[in-house]
Structures are given as C-alpha cells and as structure tokens.
PDB file of N, CA and C in Angstrom:
ATOM      1  N   PHE A   1     -63.450 -23.230  27.473  1.00  0.00           N
ATOM      2  CA  PHE A   1     -64.602 -22.345  27.301  1.00  0.00           C
ATOM      3  C   PHE A   1     -65.014 -22.251  25.831  1.00  0.00           C
ATOM      4  N   ILE A   2     -64.037 -22.086  24.963  1.00  0.00           N
ATOM      5  CA  ILE A   2     -64.333 -21.980  23.535  1.00  0.00           C
ATOM      6  C   ILE A   2     -64.894 -23.294  23.005  1.00  0.00           C
ATOM      7  N   GLN A   3     -64.360 -24.411  23.496  1.00  0.00           N
ATOM      8  CA  GLN A   3     -64.864 -25.712  23.049  1.00  0.00           C
ATOM      9  C   GLN A   3     -66.315 -25.891  23.476  1.00  0.00           C
ATOM     10  N   ARG A   4     -66.634 -25.412  24.660  1.00  0.00           N
ATOM     11  CA  ARG A   4     -68.019 -25.500  25.143  1.00  0.00           C
ATOM     12  C   ARG A   4     -68.951 -24.742  24.201  1.00  0.00           C
ATOM     13  N   GLN A   5     -68.516 -23.570  23.763  1.00  0.00           N
ATOM     14  CA  GLN A   5     -69.322 -22.781  22.834  1.00  0.00           C
ATOM     15  C   GLN A   5     -69.498 -23.516  21.510  1.00  0.00           C
ATOM     16  N   ARG A   6     -68.446 -24.173  21.056  1.00  0.00           N
ATOM     17  CA  ARG A   6     -68.530 -24.924  19.799  1.00  0.00           C
ATOM     18  C   ARG A   6     -69.487 -26.110  19.938  1.00  0.00           C
ATOM     19  N   VAL A   7     -69.443 -26.767  21.082  1.00  0.00           N
ATOM     20  CA  VAL A   7     -70.355 -27.895  21.324  1.00  0.00           C
ATOM     21  C   VAL A   7     -71.799 -27.398  21.352  1.00  0.00           C
ATOM     22  N   LEU A   8     -72.031 -26.314  22.063  1.00  0.00           N
ATOM     23  CA  LEU A   8     -73.388 -25.766  22.143  1.00  0.00           C
ATOM     24  C   LEU A   8     -73.880 -25.291  20.775  1.00  0.00           C
ATOM     25  N   ALA A   9     -72.991 -24.710  19.991  1.00  0.00           N
ATOM     26  CA  ALA A   9     -73.374 -24.270  18.645  1.00  0.00           C
ATOM     27  C   ALA A   9     -73.764 -25.468  17.780  1.00  0.00           C
ATOM     28  N   LEU A  10     -73.009 -26.550  17.894  1.00  0.00           N
ATOM     29  CA  LEU A  10     -73.343 -27.765  17.148  1.00  0.00           C
ATOM     30  C   LEU A  10     -74.706 -28.293  17.588  1.00  0.00           C
ATOM     31  N   TRP A  11     -74.943 -28.325  18.888  1.00  0.00           N
ATOM     32  CA  TRP A  11     -76.234 -28.803  19.403  1.00  0.00           C
ATOM     33  C   TRP A  11     -77.380 -27.937  18.882  1.00  0.00           C
ATOM     34  N   ARG A  12     -77.192 -26.624  18.915  1.00  0.00           N
ATOM     35  CA  ARG A  12     -78.241 -25.720  18.421  1.00  0.00           C
ATOM     36  C   ARG A  12     -78.508 -25.950  16.931  1.00  0.00           C
ATOM     37  N   ASP A  13     -77.453 -26.161  16.154  1.00  0.00           N
ATOM     38  CA  ASP A  13     -77.630 -26.445  14.727  1.00  0.00           C
ATOM     39  C   ASP A  13     -78.443 -27.720  14.524  1.00  0.00           C
ATOM     40  N   ILE A  14     -78.140 -28.720  15.321  1.00  0.00           N
ATOM     41  CA  ILE A  14     -78.861 -29.992  15.213  1.00  0.00           C
ATOM     42  C   ILE A  14     -80.335 -29.796  15.557  1.00  0.00           C
ATOM     43  N   VAL A  15     -80.605 -29.101  16.639  1.00  0.00           N
ATOM     44  CA  VAL A  15     -81.992 -28.877  17.065  1.00  0.00           C
ATOM     45  C   VAL A  15     -82.748 -28.067  16.016  1.00  0.00           C
ATOM     46  N   LYS A  16     -82.110 -27.025  15.488  1.00  0.00           N
ATOM     47  CA  LYS A  16     -82.763 -26.204  14.461  1.00  0.00           C
ATOM     48  C   LYS A  16     -83.078 -27.016  13.216  1.00  0.00           C
ATOM     49  N   SER A  17     -82.128 -27.804  12.792  1.00  0.00           N
ATOM     50  CA  SER A  17     -82.329 -28.592  11.572  1.00  0.00           C
ATOM     51  C   SER A  17     -83.377 -29.678  11.763  1.00  0.00           C
ATOM     52  N   THR A  18     -83.352 -30.326  12.905  1.00  0.00           N
ATOM     53  CA  THR A  18     -84.332 -31.388  13.123  1.00  0.00           C
ATOM     54  C   THR A  18     -85.735 -30.824  13.319  1.00  0.00           C
ATOM     55  N   ALA A  19     -85.834 -29.572  13.719  1.00  0.00           N
ATOM     56  CA  ALA A  19     -87.154 -28.964  13.910  1.00  0.00           C
ATOM     57  C   ALA A  19     -87.933 -28.900  12.603  1.00  0.00           C
ATOM     58  N   SER A  20     -87.222 -28.872  11.490  1.00  0.00           N
ATOM     59  CA  SER A  20     -87.913 -28.771  10.205  1.00  0.00           C
ATOM     60  C   SER A  20     -88.257 -30.134   9.599  1.00  0.00           C
ATOM     61  N   ILE A  21     -88.000 -31.213  10.324  1.00  0.00           N
ATOM     62  CA  ILE A  21     -88.392 -32.544   9.845  1.00  0.00           C
ATOM     63  C   ILE A  21     -89.884 -32.704  10.114  1.00  0.00           C
ATOM     64  N   PRO A  22     -90.672 -32.904   9.063  1.00  0.00           N
ATOM     65  CA  PRO A  22     -92.127 -32.954   9.250  1.00  0.00           C
ATOM     66  C   PRO A  22     -92.616 -34.156  10.064  1.00  0.00           C
ATOM     67  N   ASP A  23     -91.975 -35.285   9.914  1.00  0.00           N
ATOM     68  CA  ASP A  23     -92.395 -36.499  10.617  1.00  0.00           C
ATOM     69  C   ASP A  23     -91.930 -36.432  12.074  1.00  0.00           C
ATOM     70  N   ALA A  24     -92.876 -36.358  12.996  1.00  0.00           N
ATOM     71  CA  ALA A  24     -92.554 -36.196  14.417  1.00  0.00           C
ATOM     72  C   ALA A  24     -91.717 -37.352  14.955  1.00  0.00           C
ATOM     73  N   SER A  25     -92.008 -38.547  14.499  1.00  0.00           N
ATOM     74  CA  SER A  25     -91.271 -39.715  14.966  1.00  0.00           C
ATOM     75  C   SER A  25     -89.810 -39.656  14.515  1.00  0.00           C
ATOM     76  N   MET A  26     -89.599 -39.297  13.269  1.00  0.00           N
ATOM     77  CA  MET A  26     -88.234 -39.192  12.748  1.00  0.00           C
ATOM     78  C   MET A  26     -87.487 -38.052  13.443  1.00  0.00           C
ATOM     79  N   ARG A  27     -88.181 -36.944  13.653  1.00  0.00           N
ATOM     80  CA  ARG A  27     -87.586 -35.794  14.343  1.00  0.00           C
ATOM     81  C   ARG A  27     -87.137 -36.201  15.747  1.00  0.00           C
ATOM     82  N   ARG A  28     -88.000 -36.910  16.446  1.00  0.00           N
ATOM     83  CA  ARG A  28     -87.680 -37.363  17.800  1.00  0.00           C
ATOM     84  C   ARG A  28     -86.501 -38.336  17.793  1.00  0.00           C
ATOM     85  N   ASP A  29     -86.498 -39.262  16.838  1.00  0.00           N
ATOM     86  CA  ASP A  29     -85.405 -40.239  16.744  1.00  0.00           C
ATOM     87  C   ASP A  29     -84.066 -39.560  16.476  1.00  0.00           C
ATOM     88  N   MET A  30     -84.068 -38.579  15.589  1.00  0.00           N
ATOM     89  CA  MET A  30     -82.826 -37.863  15.270  1.00  0.00           C
ATOM     90  C   MET A  30     -82.299 -37.122  16.496  1.00  0.00           C
ATOM     91  N   ARG A  31     -83.195 -36.471  17.203  1.00  0.00           N
ATOM     92  CA  ARG A  31     -82.770 -35.744  18.404  1.00  0.00           C
ATOM     93  C   ARG A  31     -82.297 -36.693  19.494  1.00  0.00           C
ATOM     94  N   GLN A  32     -82.978 -37.814  19.636  1.00  0.00           N
ATOM     95  CA  GLN A  32     -82.559 -38.790  20.645  1.00  0.00           C
ATOM     96  C   GLN A  32     -81.179 -39.350  20.324  1.00  0.00           C
ATOM     97  N   PHE A  33     -80.930 -39.611  19.047  1.00  0.00           N
ATOM     98  CA  PHE A  33     -79.615 -40.106  18.645  1.00  0.00           C
ATOM     99  C   PHE A  33     -78.537 -39.076  18.975  1.00  0.00           C
ATOM    100  N   ALA A  34     -78.797 -37.822  18.597  1.00  0.00           N
ATOM    101  CA  ALA A  34     -77.820 -36.763  18.855  1.00  0.00           C
ATOM    102  C   ALA A  34     -77.601 -36.589  20.356  1.00  0.00           C
ATOM    103  N   ARG A  35     -78.670 -36.580  21.100  1.00  0.00           N
ATOM    104  CA  ARG A  35     -78.547 -36.405  22.552  1.00  0.00           C
ATOM    105  C   ARG A  35     -77.747 -37.548  23.177  1.00  0.00           C
ATOM    106  N   ALA A  36     -77.998 -38.758  22.715  1.00  0.00           N
ATOM    107  CA  ALA A  36     -77.264 -39.913  23.238  1.00  0.00           C
ATOM    108  C   ALA A  36     -75.770 -39.777  22.962  1.00  0.00           C
ATOM    109  N   GLU A  37     -75.430 -39.276  21.782  1.00  0.00           N
ATOM    110  CA  GLU A  37     -74.015 -39.076  21.445  1.00  0.00           C
ATOM    111  C   GLU A  37     -73.388 -38.026  22.364  1.00  0.00           C
ATOM    112  N   PHE A  38     -74.099 -36.938  22.588  1.00  0.00           N
ATOM    113  CA  PHE A  38     -73.587 -35.889  23.473  1.00  0.00           C
ATOM    114  C   PHE A  38     -73.446 -36.428  24.898  1.00  0.00           C
ATOM    115  N   GLU A  39     -74.451 -37.142  25.362  1.00  0.00           N
ATOM    116  CA  GLU A  39     -74.418 -37.700  26.719  1.00  0.00           C
ATOM    117  C   GLU A  39     -73.280 -38.704  26.884  1.00  0.00           C
ATOM    118  N   GLN A  40     -73.060 -39.509  25.868  1.00  0.00           N
ATOM    119  CA  GLN A  40     -72.027 -40.537  25.930  1.00  0.00           C
ATOM    120  C   GLN A  40     -70.644 -39.925  26.153  1.00  0.00           C
ATOM    121  N   HIS A  41     -70.441 -38.731  25.640  1.00  0.00           N
ATOM    122  CA  HIS A  41     -69.111 -38.122  25.688  1.00  0.00           C
ATOM    123  C   HIS A  41     -69.027 -36.916  26.615  1.00  0.00           C
ATOM    124  N   LYS A  42     -70.010 -36.726  27.474  1.00  0.00           N
ATOM    125  CA  LYS A  42     -70.031 -35.513  28.287  1.00  0.00           C
ATOM    126  C   LYS A  42     -68.917 -35.442  29.328  1.00  0.00           C
ATOM    127  N   HIS A  43     -68.296 -36.541  29.643  1.00  0.00           N
ATOM    128  CA  HIS A  43     -67.242 -36.529  30.659  1.00  0.00           C
ATOM    129  C   HIS A  43     -65.838 -36.462  30.061  1.00  0.00           C
ATOM    130  N   VAL A  44     -65.747 -36.315  28.752  1.00  0.00           N
ATOM    131  CA  VAL A  44     -64.434 -36.210  28.109  1.00  0.00           C
ATOM    132  C   VAL A  44     -63.814 -34.866  28.486  1.00  0.00           C
ATOM    133  N   THR A  45     -62.564 -34.908  28.937  1.00  0.00           N
ATOM    134  CA  THR A  45     -61.893 -33.676  29.359  1.00  0.00           C
ATOM    135  C   THR A  45     -60.666 -33.347  28.516  1.00  0.00           C
ATOM    136  N   ASP A  46     -60.168 -34.315  27.766  1.00  0.00           N
ATOM    137  CA  ASP A  46     -58.989 -34.084  26.935  1.00  0.00           C
ATOM    138  C   ASP A  46     -59.356 -33.159  25.776  1.00  0.00           C
ATOM    139  N   LEU A  47     -58.676 -32.032  25.689  1.00  0.00           N
ATOM    140  CA  LEU A  47     -59.002 -31.010  24.698  1.00  0.00           C
ATOM    141  C   LEU A  47     -58.895 -31.538  23.268  1.00  0.00           C
ATOM    142  N   GLY A  48     -57.872 -32.314  22.995  1.00  0.00           N
ATOM    143  CA  GLY A  48     -57.712 -32.877  21.658  1.00  0.00           C
ATOM    144  C   GLY A  48     -58.849 -33.811  21.298  1.00  0.00           C
ATOM    145  N   HIS A  49     -59.273 -34.604  22.258  1.00  0.00           N
ATOM    146  CA  HIS A  49     -60.377 -35.536  22.020  1.00  0.00           C
ATOM    147  C   HIS A  49     -61.692 -34.773  21.844  1.00  0.00           C
ATOM    148  N   ILE A  50     -61.867 -33.715  22.604  1.00  0.00           N
ATOM    149  CA  ILE A  50     -63.074 -32.885  22.461  1.00  0.00           C
ATOM    150  C   ILE A  50     -63.122 -32.285  21.058  1.00  0.00           C
ATOM    151  N   ARG A  51     -61.990 -31.777  20.599  1.00  0.00           N
ATOM    152  CA  ARG A  51     -61.938 -31.214  19.244  1.00  0.00           C
ATOM    153  C   ARG A  51     -62.278 -32.273  18.199  1.00  0.00           C
ATOM    154  N   TYR A  52     -61.735 -33.472  18.400  1.00  0.00           N
ATOM    155  CA  TYR A  52     -62.024 -34.576  17.489  1.00  0.00           C
ATOM    156  C   TYR A  52     -63.525 -34.885  17.481  1.00  0.00           C
ATOM    157  N   LEU A  53     -64.128 -34.949  18.669  1.00  0.00           N
ATOM    158  CA  LEU A  53     -65.551 -35.270  18.759  1.00  0.00           C
ATOM    159  C   LEU A  53     -66.417 -34.191  18.113  1.00  0.00           C
ATOM    160  N   ILE A  54     -66.032 -32.934  18.274  1.00  0.00           N
ATOM    161  CA  ILE A  54     -66.776 -31.844  17.631  1.00  0.00           C
ATOM    162  C   ILE A  54     -66.692 -31.992  16.117  1.00  0.00           C
ATOM    163  N   SER A  55     -65.494 -32.255  15.625  1.00  0.00           N
ATOM    164  CA  SER A  55     -65.304 -32.437  14.187  1.00  0.00           C
ATOM    165  C   SER A  55     -66.111 -33.630  13.673  1.00  0.00           C
ATOM    166  N   LEU A  56     -66.048 -34.725  14.400  1.00  0.00           N
ATOM    167  CA  LEU A  56     -66.806 -35.917  14.027  1.00  0.00           C
ATOM    168  C   LEU A  56     -68.308 -35.634  14.046  1.00  0.00           C
ATOM    169  N   GLY A  57     -68.760 -34.937  15.076  1.00  0.00           N
ATOM    170  CA  GLY A  57     -70.178 -34.600  15.180  1.00  0.00           C
ATOM    171  C   GLY A  57     -70.646 -33.736  14.026  1.00  0.00           C
ATOM    172  N   LYS A  58     -69.825 -32.755  13.651  1.00  0.00           N
ATOM    173  CA  LYS A  58     -70.187 -31.897  12.517  1.00  0.00           C
ATOM    174  C   LYS A  58     -70.255 -32.701  11.229  1.00  0.00           C
ATOM    175  N   THR A  59     -69.305 -33.596  11.049  1.00  0.00           N
ATOM    176  CA  THR A  59     -69.295 -34.428   9.849  1.00  0.00           C
ATOM    177  C   THR A  59     -70.532 -35.318   9.797  1.00  0.00           C
ATOM    178  N   GLN A  60     -70.846 -35.960  10.909  1.00  0.00           N
ATOM    179  CA  GLN A  60     -72.030 -36.822  10.959  1.00  0.00           C
ATOM    180  C   GLN A  60     -73.304 -36.014  10.738  1.00  0.00           C
ATOM    181  N   PHE A  61     -73.363 -34.838  11.334  1.00  0.00           N
ATOM    182  CA  PHE A  61     -74.531 -33.981  11.186  1.00  0.00           C
ATOM    183  C   PHE A  61     -74.697 -33.541   9.732  1.00  0.00           C
ATOM    184  N   ASP A  62     -73.602 -33.120   9.107  1.00  0.00           N
ATOM    185  CA  ASP A  62     -73.671 -32.697   7.707  1.00  0.00           C
ATOM    186  C   ASP A  62     -74.105 -33.849   6.803  1.00  0.00           C
ATOM    187  N   THR A  63     -73.597 -35.036   7.075  1.00  0.00           N
ATOM    188  CA  THR A  63     -73.978 -36.211   6.293  1.00  0.00           C
ATOM    189  C   THR A  63     -75.463 -36.505   6.454  1.00  0.00           C
ATOM    190  N   MET A  64     -75.940 -36.464   7.700  1.00  0.00           N
ATOM    191  CA  MET A  64     -77.353 -36.710   7.966  1.00  0.00           C
ATOM    192  C   MET A  64     -78.218 -35.653   7.293  1.00  0.00           C
ATOM    193  N   LYS A  65     -77.809 -34.413   7.420  1.00  0.00           N
ATOM    194  CA  LYS A  65     -78.587 -33.315   6.851  1.00  0.00           C
ATOM    195  C   LYS A  65     -78.655 -33.434   5.328  1.00  0.00           C
ATOM    196  N   ASN A  66     -77.517 -33.716   4.695  1.00  0.00           N
ATOM    197  CA  ASN A  66     -77.506 -33.879   3.237  1.00  0.00           C
ATOM    198  C   ASN A  66     -78.359 -35.058   2.800  1.00  0.00           C
ATOM    199  N   SER A  67     -78.332 -36.116   3.567  1.00  0.00           N
ATOM    200  CA  SER A  67     -79.153 -37.283   3.257  1.00  0.00           C
ATOM    201  C   SER A  67     -80.641 -36.932   3.325  1.00  0.00           C
ATOM    202  N   LEU A  68     -81.020 -36.176   4.343  1.00  0.00           N
ATOM    203  CA  LEU A  68     -82.420 -35.774   4.481  1.00  0.00           C
ATOM    204  C   LEU A  68     -82.836 -34.812   3.371  1.00  0.00           C
ATOM    205  N   ILE A  69     -81.919 -33.941   2.982  1.00  0.00           N
ATOM    206  CA  ILE A  69     -82.211 -33.010   1.884  1.00  0.00           C
ATOM    207  C   ILE A  69     -82.373 -33.779   0.578  1.00  0.00           C
ATOM    208  N   ASN A  70     -81.457 -34.700   0.325  1.00  0.00           N
ATOM    209  CA  ASN A  70     -81.504 -35.477  -0.920  1.00  0.00           C
ATOM    210  C   ASN A  70     -82.731 -36.374  -1.004  1.00  0.00           C
ATOM    211  N   SER A  71     -83.224 -36.811   0.139  1.00  0.00           N
ATOM    212  CA  SER A  71     -84.409 -37.668   0.123  1.00  0.00           C
ATOM    213  C   SER A  71     -85.704 -36.858   0.152  1.00  0.00           C
ATOM    214  N   GLY A  72     -85.581 -35.537   0.197  1.00  0.00           N
ATOM    215  CA  GLY A  72     -86.757 -34.675   0.148  1.00  0.00           C
ATOM    216  C   GLY A  72     -87.433 -34.457   1.483  1.00  0.00           C
ATOM    217  N   ILE A  73     -86.819 -34.909   2.554  1.00  0.00           N
ATOM    218  CA  ILE A  73     -87.425 -34.746   3.878  1.00  0.00           C
ATOM    219  C   ILE A  73     -87.226 -33.320   4.384  1.00  0.00           C
ATOM    220  N   LEU A  74     -86.072 -32.746   4.087  1.00  0.00           N
ATOM    221  CA  LEU A  74     -85.807 -31.344   4.477  1.00  0.00           C
ATOM    222  C   LEU A  74     -85.901 -30.447   3.269  1.00  0.00           C
TER     223      LEU A  74
END
C-alpha cells in the first residue's frame, strides 16, 4: 500500500513538472516516455524490485528535470 502511494506520488510529480514545459510536443513526449516506463513495470510484485524501480524513477526524473532547467525549458 505504501509503495503504491510512492508510485502515485512520483507520477503526480512527473505530470506536474511536465505541465510547465511550454513545447506541447516535448511535453507529450516526456509524458509518453514516463507512462511507458510505468506500464512496462506495472506487473512487478516483488517489494524490493518495486523499491528499486521507484528509486530509479526518481533519479531519472530528477536528472530530466535538472536538464530541462539547465537548458532553460523549465
């Protein structure tokens, strides 16, 4: 249950951050990439693996967000 909340919180952060991308095409691509990652792993049931995926997702999201900030997009 707690992992589900963490996954949903990560998804909400991604959606909120991508909403501020001015270029609609880039915004759509970022969301599609994130959604594909979530969909790819939706059947994972091992708690340790879920924790790993959440951590990996946060790291990738932070990297993407910092890259967009540094390039002036966000």
